[in-house]
Amino acid sequence: MHALQRLGGLSYFAGAEKKDDRVLVPDLGSLTSVHDRARELFYYLKGGQVDYGEEHSRAYGHSRFGRTYARGHYPVWDEEHPVHLVGHSAGAQVIRLLQQMLHDGEFEGHRDTSERWVLSVTSLSGALNGTTR
């Protein structure tokens, strides 16, 4: 399964999500931080109410909780059912941070997470180690 990012209603991936039901293209906040989008992606896949974290939300002056996914788009996601993550542009930073958060067990109520929930991380035009700009 691949979690891909898109811009509004436009798919960067030529509608791959319509051709294969194992391809998911979440529409994450386009004006939010990499941290917030990584958190949103976790709950988009697993399900539940997005929790940006108490300390983070206080430090950045926004609500701790966001959208609720009554049922995740891949609720069985775990070490036995890992995913391939593909991120375009800033989405590459989002998926790298998500994998780190999984490793660090940063999701309250989901302390059994690990980096092994992710089979691969693929960047398409992502600025992973800075840019020349």
Protein backbone atom coordinates (compact mmCIF):
# COMPACT_ATOMS: atom_id res chain seq x y z
CA MET A 1 0.00 0.00 0.00
CA HIS A 2 1.21 3.49 -0.79
CA ALA A 3 0.22 6.72 0.94
CA LEU A 4 0.64 9.54 -1.52
CA GLN A 5 0.14 13.25 -1.24
CA ARG A 6 -1.81 15.49 -3.57
CA LEU A 7 -2.52 19.19 -3.98
CA GLY A 8 -6.23 19.88 -3.49
CA GLY A 9 -8.16 17.81 -6.03
CA LEU A 10 -5.20 17.30 -8.38
CA SER A 11 -3.36 14.02 -8.11
CA TYR A 12 0.38 14.16 -8.70
CA PHE A 13 0.18 10.49 -9.53
CA ALA A 14 -2.14 10.46 -12.57
CA GLY A 15 -5.09 9.08 -10.62
CA ALA A 16 -3.25 5.98 -9.36
CA GLU A 17 -5.63 5.91 -6.39
CA LYS A 18 -8.55 5.33 -8.80
CA LYS A 19 -6.77 2.46 -10.53
CA ASP A 20 -5.68 0.51 -7.44
CA ASP A 21 -7.58 0.48 -4.14
CA ARG A 22 -4.31 -0.22 -2.30
CA VAL A 23 -3.10 3.28 -3.22
CA LEU A 24 -4.25 5.99 -0.82
CA VAL A 25 -3.86 9.70 -1.44
CA PRO A 26 -4.61 11.66 1.74
CA ASP A 27 -5.44 15.34 1.41
CA LEU A 28 -3.44 16.73 4.33
CA GLY A 29 -3.33 20.35 5.43
CA SER A 30 -1.40 22.28 2.79
CA LEU A 31 -0.62 25.24 5.07
CA THR A 32 0.24 23.30 8.22
CA SER A 33 3.63 22.27 9.56
CA VAL A 34 5.45 19.07 8.65
CA HIS A 35 4.84 17.91 12.24
CA ASP A 36 1.09 18.48 11.99
CA ARG A 37 0.85 16.73 8.61
CA ALA A 38 2.79 13.71 9.90
CA ARG A 39 0.32 13.45 12.78
CA GLU A 40 -2.62 13.80 10.38
CA LEU A 41 -1.22 11.07 8.14
CA PHE A 42 -0.94 8.67 11.08
CA TYR A 43 -4.60 9.10 12.04
CA TYR A 44 -5.73 9.11 8.40
CA LEU A 45 -4.27 5.61 8.10
CA LYS A 46 -4.89 4.19 11.58
CA GLY A 47 -8.10 6.01 12.55
CA GLY A 48 -9.06 8.12 15.55
CA GLN A 49 -8.95 11.81 16.39
CA VAL A 50 -5.83 13.64 15.24
CA ASP A 51 -3.75 14.52 18.31
CA TYR A 52 -1.02 17.05 17.57
CA GLY A 53 0.41 16.61 21.06
CA GLU A 54 -0.15 18.75 24.14
CA GLU A 55 3.31 20.33 24.28
CA HIS A 56 3.51 20.98 20.52
CA SER A 57 0.03 22.55 20.39
CA ARG A 58 0.75 24.83 23.33
CA ALA A 59 4.11 25.91 21.88
CA TYR A 60 2.61 26.75 18.48
CA GLY A 61 -0.70 28.16 19.70
CA HIS A 62 -3.20 25.86 18.03
CA SER A 63 -5.76 23.28 19.11
CA ARG A 64 -4.39 19.99 20.35
CA PHE A 65 -6.99 17.93 18.52
CA GLY A 66 -8.06 17.93 14.89
CA ARG A 67 -10.22 15.93 12.54
CA THR A 68 -11.61 12.55 13.59
CA TYR A 69 -11.35 9.54 11.32
CA ALA A 70 -14.07 7.20 12.61
CA ARG A 71 -12.37 4.44 10.67
CA GLY A 72 -8.85 4.72 9.35
CA HIS A 73 -8.14 4.11 5.71
CA TYR A 74 -5.80 1.27 6.72
CA PRO A 75 -6.78 0.40 10.32
CA VAL A 76 -4.79 -2.86 10.41
CA TRP A 77 -1.56 -0.88 9.93
CA ASP A 78 1.18 -2.27 12.15
CA GLU A 79 4.43 -4.22 11.92
CA GLU A 80 2.63 -7.20 10.36
CA HIS A 81 0.86 -4.93 7.83
CA PRO A 82 3.45 -2.26 6.93
CA VAL A 83 3.16 0.37 4.19
CA HIS A 84 5.26 1.98 1.48
CA LEU A 85 5.17 5.77 1.81
CA VAL A 86 5.71 8.06 -1.19
CA GLY A 87 5.96 11.80 -0.65
CA HIS A 88 6.15 14.56 -3.23
CA SER A 89 7.97 17.81 -2.39
CA ALA A 90 7.27 18.67 1.27
CA GLY A 91 5.42 15.35 1.56
CA ALA A 92 8.83 13.67 1.61
CA GLN A 93 9.67 15.47 4.86
CA VAL A 94 6.28 14.51 6.25
CA ILE A 95 6.79 10.79 5.69
CA ARG A 96 10.34 10.86 7.06
CA LEU A 97 9.09 12.56 10.22
CA LEU A 98 6.18 10.11 10.49
CA GLN A 99 8.60 7.18 10.40
CA GLN A 100 10.68 8.82 13.14
CA MET A 101 7.56 9.43 15.25
CA LEU A 102 6.61 5.77 14.84
CA HIS A 103 10.11 4.78 16.01
CA ASP A 104 9.85 7.12 19.02
CA GLY A 105 6.36 5.87 20.01
CA GLU A 106 4.90 9.38 19.92
CA PHE A 107 1.26 8.45 19.39
CA GLU A 108 -0.67 8.35 22.66
CA GLY A 109 -2.67 5.15 22.92
CA HIS A 110 -0.44 3.56 20.25
CA ARG A 111 2.79 2.96 22.17
CA ASP A 112 3.54 -0.22 20.23
CA THR A 113 4.49 1.66 17.04
CA SER A 114 7.87 1.20 15.42
CA GLU A 115 9.74 2.23 12.29
CA ARG A 116 9.01 -1.29 11.01
CA TRP A 117 5.46 -0.16 10.26
CA VAL A 118 7.05 1.34 7.12
CA LEU A 119 8.56 -0.86 4.38
CA SER A 120 9.95 2.02 2.35
CA VAL A 121 10.09 5.80 2.15
CA THR A 122 10.27 7.26 -1.36
CA SER A 123 10.86 10.93 -2.11
CA LEU A 124 9.74 12.56 -5.35
CA SER A 125 11.44 15.97 -5.62
CA GLY A 126 11.71 16.25 -1.86
CA ALA A 127 14.23 18.56 -0.19
CA LEU A 128 15.40 16.07 2.40
CA ASN A 129 18.74 17.61 3.33
CA GLY A 130 18.17 21.23 2.38
CA THR A 131 18.22 23.00 -0.97
CA THR A 132 20.47 25.39 -2.82
CA ARG A 133 17.76 28.08 -2.71
